[in-house]
Amino acid sequence: MTSPSSDLPREKTKLREELALEVVPVTAEHAHLAREAYRDYGRGSSHPANLNDGDCFSYALASERRQPLL
């Protein structure tokens, strides 16, 4: 008998393939852009967006690729 979670890695891989998701390594440029975004829009800034680290890295990748955020 297998546990319900034993198929989880396979299901994640299938979902990633179906959605055509790309795993992108973080570069020094991404880190620089994310740090600037956090300074300007992150928690602790006075900006109402109050972005977290994940938001800032999403912004950095989109900026580097000149793509809009969804």
PDB file of N, CA and C in Angstrom:
ATOM      1  N   MET A   1       0.840  -1.177   0.000  1.00  0.00           N
ATOM      2  CA  MET A   1       0.000   0.000   0.000  1.00  0.00           C
ATOM      3  C   MET A   1       0.891   1.249   0.000  1.00  0.00           C
ATOM      4  N   THR A   2       0.553   2.203  -0.820  1.00  0.00           N
ATOM      5  CA  THR A   2       1.327   3.444  -0.885  1.00  0.00           C
ATOM      6  C   THR A   2       0.556   4.560  -0.203  1.00  0.00           C
ATOM      7  N   SER A   3       1.291   5.536   0.263  1.00  0.00           N
ATOM      8  CA  SER A   3       0.642   6.678   0.901  1.00  0.00           C
ATOM      9  C   SER A   3       0.135   7.630  -0.179  1.00  0.00           C
ATOM     10  N   PRO A   4      -0.890   8.433   0.136  1.00  0.00           N
ATOM     11  CA  PRO A   4      -1.426   9.376  -0.857  1.00  0.00           C
ATOM     12  C   PRO A   4      -0.386  10.375  -1.349  1.00  0.00           C
ATOM     13  N   SER A   5       0.623  10.659  -0.536  1.00  0.00           N
ATOM     14  CA  SER A   5       1.623  11.655  -0.940  1.00  0.00           C
ATOM     15  C   SER A   5       2.714  11.075  -1.835  1.00  0.00           C
ATOM     16  N   SER A   6       2.717   9.752  -2.055  1.00  0.00           N
ATOM     17  CA  SER A   6       3.787   9.147  -2.854  1.00  0.00           C
ATOM     18  C   SER A   6       3.758   9.585  -4.311  1.00  0.00           C
ATOM     19  N   ASP A   7       2.619  10.020  -4.817  1.00  0.00           N
ATOM     20  CA  ASP A   7       2.515  10.485  -6.204  1.00  0.00           C
ATOM     21  C   ASP A   7       2.751  11.989  -6.337  1.00  0.00           C
ATOM     22  N   LEU A   8       2.981  12.664  -5.219  1.00  0.00           N
ATOM     23  CA  LEU A   8       3.105  14.116  -5.249  1.00  0.00           C
ATOM     24  C   LEU A   8       4.224  14.613  -6.166  1.00  0.00           C
ATOM     25  N   PRO A   9       5.438  14.083  -6.111  1.00  0.00           N
ATOM     26  CA  PRO A   9       6.475  14.576  -7.035  1.00  0.00           C
ATOM     27  C   PRO A   9       6.079  14.405  -8.502  1.00  0.00           C
ATOM     28  N   ARG A  10       5.472  13.293  -8.837  1.00  0.00           N
ATOM     29  CA  ARG A  10       5.040  13.046 -10.213  1.00  0.00           C
ATOM     30  C   ARG A  10       3.941  14.039 -10.603  1.00  0.00           C
ATOM     31  N   GLU A  11       3.022  14.307  -9.683  1.00  0.00           N
ATOM     32  CA  GLU A  11       1.938  15.252  -9.965  1.00  0.00           C
ATOM     33  C   GLU A  11       2.478  16.671 -10.160  1.00  0.00           C
ATOM     34  N   LYS A  12       3.465  17.047  -9.352  1.00  0.00           N
ATOM     35  CA  LYS A  12       4.074  18.373  -9.513  1.00  0.00           C
ATOM     36  C   LYS A  12       4.752  18.502 -10.873  1.00  0.00           C
ATOM     37  N   THR A  13       5.474  17.471 -11.263  1.00  0.00           N
ATOM     38  CA  THR A  13       6.147  17.482 -12.565  1.00  0.00           C
ATOM     39  C   THR A  13       5.127  17.582 -13.689  1.00  0.00           C
ATOM     40  N   LYS A  14       4.058  16.823 -13.589  1.00  0.00           N
ATOM     41  CA  LYS A  14       3.009  16.848 -14.614  1.00  0.00           C
ATOM     42  C   LYS A  14       2.381  18.239 -14.710  1.00  0.00           C
ATOM     43  N   LEU A  15       2.078  18.845 -13.566  1.00  0.00           N
ATOM     44  CA  LEU A  15       1.479  20.176 -13.557  1.00  0.00           C
ATOM     45  C   LEU A  15       2.433  21.200 -14.166  1.00  0.00           C
ATOM     46  N   ARG A  16       3.717  21.135 -13.799  1.00  0.00           N
ATOM     47  CA  ARG A  16       4.706  22.064 -14.345  1.00  0.00           C
ATOM     48  C   ARG A  16       4.783  21.934 -15.862  1.00  0.00           C
ATOM     49  N   GLU A  17       4.735  20.703 -16.363  1.00  0.00           N
ATOM     50  CA  GLU A  17       4.781  20.484 -17.811  1.00  0.00           C
ATOM     51  C   GLU A  17       3.509  20.975 -18.489  1.00  0.00           C
ATOM     52  N   GLU A  18       2.348  20.712 -17.886  1.00  0.00           N
ATOM     53  CA  GLU A  18       1.078  21.148 -18.478  1.00  0.00           C
ATOM     54  C   GLU A  18       0.991  22.667 -18.562  1.00  0.00           C
ATOM     55  N   LEU A  19       1.511  23.346 -17.552  1.00  0.00           N
ATOM     56  CA  LEU A  19       1.449  24.806 -17.530  1.00  0.00           C
ATOM     57  C   LEU A  19       2.636  25.456 -18.232  1.00  0.00           C
ATOM     58  N   ALA A  20       3.566  24.639 -18.702  1.00  0.00           N
ATOM     59  CA  ALA A  20       4.785  25.122 -19.371  1.00  0.00           C
ATOM     60  C   ALA A  20       5.542  26.111 -18.484  1.00  0.00           C
ATOM     61  N   LEU A  21       5.651  25.774 -17.190  1.00  0.00           N
ATOM     62  CA  LEU A  21       6.375  26.628 -16.252  1.00  0.00           C
ATOM     63  C   LEU A  21       7.872  26.454 -16.442  1.00  0.00           C
ATOM     64  N   GLU A  22       8.593  27.510 -16.216  1.00  0.00           N
ATOM     65  CA  GLU A  22      10.048  27.487 -16.344  1.00  0.00           C
ATOM     66  C   GLU A  22      10.663  27.793 -14.983  1.00  0.00           C
ATOM     67  N   VAL A  23      11.587  26.976 -14.558  1.00  0.00           N
ATOM     68  CA  VAL A  23      12.327  27.229 -13.322  1.00  0.00           C
ATOM     69  C   VAL A  23      13.532  28.081 -13.699  1.00  0.00           C
ATOM     70  N   VAL A  24      13.611  29.276 -13.108  1.00  0.00           N
ATOM     71  CA  VAL A  24      14.650  30.233 -13.472  1.00  0.00           C
ATOM     72  C   VAL A  24      15.575  30.456 -12.279  1.00  0.00           C
ATOM     73  N   PRO A  25      16.870  30.210 -12.442  1.00  0.00           N
ATOM     74  CA  PRO A  25      17.798  30.475 -11.341  1.00  0.00           C
ATOM     75  C   PRO A  25      17.944  31.978 -11.100  1.00  0.00           C
ATOM     76  N   VAL A  26      18.127  32.347  -9.861  1.00  0.00           N
ATOM     77  CA  VAL A  26      18.303  33.751  -9.498  1.00  0.00           C
ATOM     78  C   VAL A  26      19.732  34.172  -9.828  1.00  0.00           C
ATOM     79  N   THR A  27      19.840  35.287 -10.525  1.00  0.00           N
ATOM     80  CA  THR A  27      21.157  35.825 -10.886  1.00  0.00           C
ATOM     81  C   THR A  27      21.487  37.020  -9.985  1.00  0.00           C
ATOM     82  N   ALA A  28      22.702  37.481 -10.087  1.00  0.00           N
ATOM     83  CA  ALA A  28      23.103  38.677  -9.339  1.00  0.00           C
ATOM     84  C   ALA A  28      22.267  39.881  -9.771  1.00  0.00           C
ATOM     85  N   GLU A  29      21.952  39.960 -11.056  1.00  0.00           N
ATOM     86  CA  GLU A  29      21.115  41.064 -11.558  1.00  0.00           C
ATOM     87  C   GLU A  29      19.718  41.002 -10.952  1.00  0.00           C
ATOM     88  N   HIS A  30      19.138  39.804 -10.859  1.00  0.00           N
ATOM     89  CA  HIS A  30      17.822  39.661 -10.224  1.00  0.00           C
ATOM     90  C   HIS A  30      17.883  40.137  -8.773  1.00  0.00           C
ATOM     91  N   ALA A  31      18.925  39.728  -8.064  1.00  0.00           N
ATOM     92  CA  ALA A  31      19.068  40.120  -6.658  1.00  0.00           C
ATOM     93  C   ALA A  31      19.177  41.636  -6.530  1.00  0.00           C
ATOM     94  N   HIS A  32      19.924  42.254  -7.427  1.00  0.00           N
ATOM     95  CA  HIS A  32      20.072  43.715  -7.411  1.00  0.00           C
ATOM     96  C   HIS A  32      18.724  44.396  -7.656  1.00  0.00           C
ATOM     97  N   LEU A  33      18.002  43.953  -8.680  1.00  0.00           N
ATOM     98  CA  LEU A  33      16.693  44.541  -8.992  1.00  0.00           C
ATOM     99  C   LEU A  33      15.694  44.305  -7.866  1.00  0.00           C
ATOM    100  N   ALA A  34      15.716  43.120  -7.281  1.00  0.00           N
ATOM    101  CA  ALA A  34      14.804  42.809  -6.176  1.00  0.00           C
ATOM    102  C   ALA A  34      15.115  43.679  -4.963  1.00  0.00           C
ATOM    103  N   ARG A  35      16.391  43.892  -4.685  1.00  0.00           N
ATOM    104  CA  ARG A  35      16.788  44.736  -3.555  1.00  0.00           C
ATOM    105  C   ARG A  35      16.299  46.169  -3.763  1.00  0.00           C
ATOM    106  N   GLU A  36      16.424  46.680  -4.987  1.00  0.00           N
ATOM    107  CA  GLU A  36      15.926  48.027  -5.285  1.00  0.00           C
ATOM    108  C   GLU A  36      14.409  48.101  -5.145  1.00  0.00           C
ATOM    109  N   ALA A  37      13.716  47.077  -5.636  1.00  0.00           N
ATOM    110  CA  ALA A  37      12.253  47.048  -5.523  1.00  0.00           C
ATOM    111  C   ALA A  37      11.830  47.008  -4.059  1.00  0.00           C
ATOM    112  N   TYR A  38      12.530  46.216  -3.256  1.00  0.00           N
ATOM    113  CA  TYR A  38      12.192  46.129  -1.828  1.00  0.00           C
ATOM    114  C   TYR A  38      12.426  47.475  -1.143  1.00  0.00           C
ATOM    115  N   ARG A  39      13.522  48.136  -1.505  1.00  0.00           N
ATOM    116  CA  ARG A  39      13.807  49.458  -0.937  1.00  0.00           C
ATOM    117  C   ARG A  39      12.680  50.444  -1.268  1.00  0.00           C
ATOM    118  N   ASP A  40      12.202  50.407  -2.516  1.00  0.00           N
ATOM    119  CA  ASP A  40      11.209  51.376  -2.972  1.00  0.00           C
ATOM    120  C   ASP A  40       9.768  50.999  -2.637  1.00  0.00           C
ATOM    121  N   TYR A  41       9.453  49.698  -2.665  1.00  0.00           N
ATOM    122  CA  TYR A  41       8.065  49.262  -2.533  1.00  0.00           C
ATOM    123  C   TYR A  41       7.831  48.224  -1.439  1.00  0.00           C
ATOM    124  N   GLY A  42       8.882  47.804  -0.760  1.00  0.00           N
ATOM    125  CA  GLY A  42       8.783  46.693   0.180  1.00  0.00           C
ATOM    126  C   GLY A  42       8.263  47.078   1.551  1.00  0.00           C
ATOM    127  N   ARG A  43       8.048  46.033   2.347  1.00  0.00           N
ATOM    128  CA  ARG A  43       7.652  46.233   3.734  1.00  0.00           C
ATOM    129  C   ARG A  43       8.749  47.032   4.416  1.00  0.00           C
ATOM    130  N   GLY A  44       8.365  48.009   5.151  1.00  0.00           N
ATOM    131  CA  GLY A  44       9.346  48.884   5.785  1.00  0.00           C
ATOM    132  C   GLY A  44       9.520  50.191   5.029  1.00  0.00           C
ATOM    133  N   SER A  45       9.124  50.208   3.758  1.00  0.00           N
ATOM    134  CA  SER A  45       9.131  51.474   3.018  1.00  0.00           C
ATOM    135  C   SER A  45       7.790  52.149   3.304  1.00  0.00           C
ATOM    136  N   SER A  46       7.656  53.352   2.878  1.00  0.00           N
ATOM    137  CA  SER A  46       6.388  54.052   3.101  1.00  0.00           C
ATOM    138  C   SER A  46       5.387  53.806   1.971  1.00  0.00           C
ATOM    139  N   HIS A  47       5.750  52.967   1.004  1.00  0.00           N
ATOM    140  CA  HIS A  47       4.874  52.714  -0.141  1.00  0.00           C
ATOM    141  C   HIS A  47       3.723  51.791   0.262  1.00  0.00           C
ATOM    142  N   PRO A  48       2.503  52.090  -0.172  1.00  0.00           N
ATOM    143  CA  PRO A  48       1.352  51.258   0.210  1.00  0.00           C
ATOM    144  C   PRO A  48       1.363  49.848  -0.381  1.00  0.00           C
ATOM    145  N   ALA A  49       2.197  49.591  -1.400  1.00  0.00           N
ATOM    146  CA  ALA A  49       2.238  48.244  -1.987  1.00  0.00           C
ATOM    147  C   ALA A  49       2.713  47.220  -0.963  1.00  0.00           C
ATOM    148  N   ASN A  50       3.668  47.603  -0.118  1.00  0.00           N
ATOM    149  CA  ASN A  50       4.122  46.739   0.979  1.00  0.00           C
ATOM    150  C   ASN A  50       4.549  45.358   0.472  1.00  0.00           C
ATOM    151  N   LEU A  51       5.385  45.317  -0.572  1.00  0.00           N
ATOM    152  CA  LEU A  51       5.774  44.058  -1.207  1.00  0.00           C
ATOM    153  C   LEU A  51       6.655  43.202  -0.303  1.00  0.00           C
ATOM    154  N   ASN A  52       6.532  41.872  -0.459  1.00  0.00           N
ATOM    155  CA  ASN A  52       7.414  40.954   0.264  1.00  0.00           C
ATOM    156  C   ASN A  52       8.557  40.536  -0.669  1.00  0.00           C
ATOM    157  N   ASP A  53       9.467  39.706  -0.164  1.00  0.00           N
ATOM    158  CA  ASP A  53      10.623  39.298  -0.968  1.00  0.00           C
ATOM    159  C   ASP A  53      10.214  38.579  -2.252  1.00  0.00           C
ATOM    160  N   GLY A  54       9.231  37.697  -2.164  1.00  0.00           N
ATOM    161  CA  GLY A  54       8.774  36.972  -3.350  1.00  0.00           C
ATOM    162  C   GLY A  54       8.226  37.913  -4.408  1.00  0.00           C
ATOM    163  N   ASP A  55       7.456  38.906  -3.966  1.00  0.00           N
ATOM    164  CA  ASP A  55       6.933  39.912  -4.895  1.00  0.00           C
ATOM    165  C   ASP A  55       8.076  40.637  -5.603  1.00  0.00           C
ATOM    166  N   CYS A  56       9.102  40.979  -4.834  1.00  0.00           N
ATOM    167  CA  CYS A  56      10.227  41.736  -5.393  1.00  0.00           C
ATOM    168  C   CYS A  56      11.030  40.905  -6.382  1.00  0.00           C
ATOM    169  N   PHE A  57      11.200  39.610  -6.112  1.00  0.00           N
ATOM    170  CA  PHE A  57      11.914  38.762  -7.071  1.00  0.00           C
ATOM    171  C   PHE A  57      11.079  38.537  -8.331  1.00  0.00           C
ATOM    172  N   SER A  58       9.759  38.452  -8.191  1.00  0.00           N
ATOM    173  CA  SER A  58       8.887  38.360  -9.372  1.00  0.00           C
ATOM    174  C   SER A  58       9.028  39.616 -10.220  1.00  0.00           C
ATOM    175  N   TYR A  59       9.028  40.752  -9.551  1.00  0.00           N
ATOM    176  CA  TYR A  59       9.209  42.033 -10.237  1.00  0.00           C
ATOM    177  C   TYR A  59      10.562  42.077 -10.958  1.00  0.00           C
ATOM    178  N   ALA A  60      11.611  41.604 -10.282  1.00  0.00           N
ATOM    179  CA  ALA A  60      12.955  41.627 -10.859  1.00  0.00           C
ATOM    180  C   ALA A  60      13.032  40.785 -12.128  1.00  0.00           C
ATOM    181  N   LEU A  61      12.474  39.581 -12.084  1.00  0.00           N
ATOM    182  CA  LEU A  61      12.512  38.711 -13.258  1.00  0.00           C
ATOM    183  C   LEU A  61      11.711  39.317 -14.409  1.00  0.00           C
ATOM    184  N   ALA A  62      10.529  39.838 -14.095  1.00  0.00           N
ATOM    185  CA  ALA A  62       9.709  40.461 -15.138  1.00  0.00           C
ATOM    186  C   ALA A  62      10.425  41.669 -15.737  1.00  0.00           C
ATOM    187  N   SER A  63      11.057  42.460 -14.893  1.00  0.00           N
ATOM    188  CA  SER A  63      11.787  43.638 -15.382  1.00  0.00           C
ATOM    189  C   SER A  63      12.938  43.235 -16.288  1.00  0.00           C
ATOM    190  N   GLU A  64      13.703  42.235 -15.854  1.00  0.00           N
ATOM    191  CA  GLU A  64      14.854  41.794 -16.635  1.00  0.00           C
ATOM    192  C   GLU A  64      14.427  41.256 -17.999  1.00  0.00           C
ATOM    193  N   ARG A  65      13.288  40.601 -18.042  1.00  0.00           N
ATOM    194  CA  ARG A  65      12.795  40.028 -19.303  1.00  0.00           C
ATOM    195  C   ARG A  65      11.873  40.972 -20.064  1.00  0.00           C
ATOM    196  N   ARG A  66      11.674  42.149 -19.522  1.00  0.00           N
ATOM    197  CA  ARG A  66      10.770  43.154 -20.112  1.00  0.00           C
ATOM    198  C   ARG A  66       9.388  42.564 -20.377  1.00  0.00           C
ATOM    199  N   GLN A  67       8.867  41.921 -19.330  1.00  0.00           N
ATOM    200  CA  GLN A  67       7.545  41.297 -19.398  1.00  0.00           C
ATOM    201  C   GLN A  67       6.649  41.907 -18.324  1.00  0.00           C
ATOM    202  N   PRO A  68       5.347  41.987 -18.579  1.00  0.00           N
ATOM    203  CA  PRO A  68       4.442  42.504 -17.545  1.00  0.00           C
ATOM    204  C   PRO A  68       4.207  41.450 -16.464  1.00  0.00           C
ATOM    205  N   LEU A  69       3.922  41.915 -15.272  1.00  0.00           N
ATOM    206  CA  LEU A  69       3.476  41.000 -14.224  1.00  0.00           C
ATOM    207  C   LEU A  69       1.990  40.761 -14.425  1.00  0.00           C
ATOM    208  N   LEU A  70       1.550  39.574 -14.121  1.00  0.00           N
ATOM    209  CA  LEU A  70       0.128  39.258 -14.299  1.00  0.00           C
ATOM    210  C   LEU A  70      -0.706  39.911 -13.238  1.00  0.00           C
TER     211      LEU A  70
END
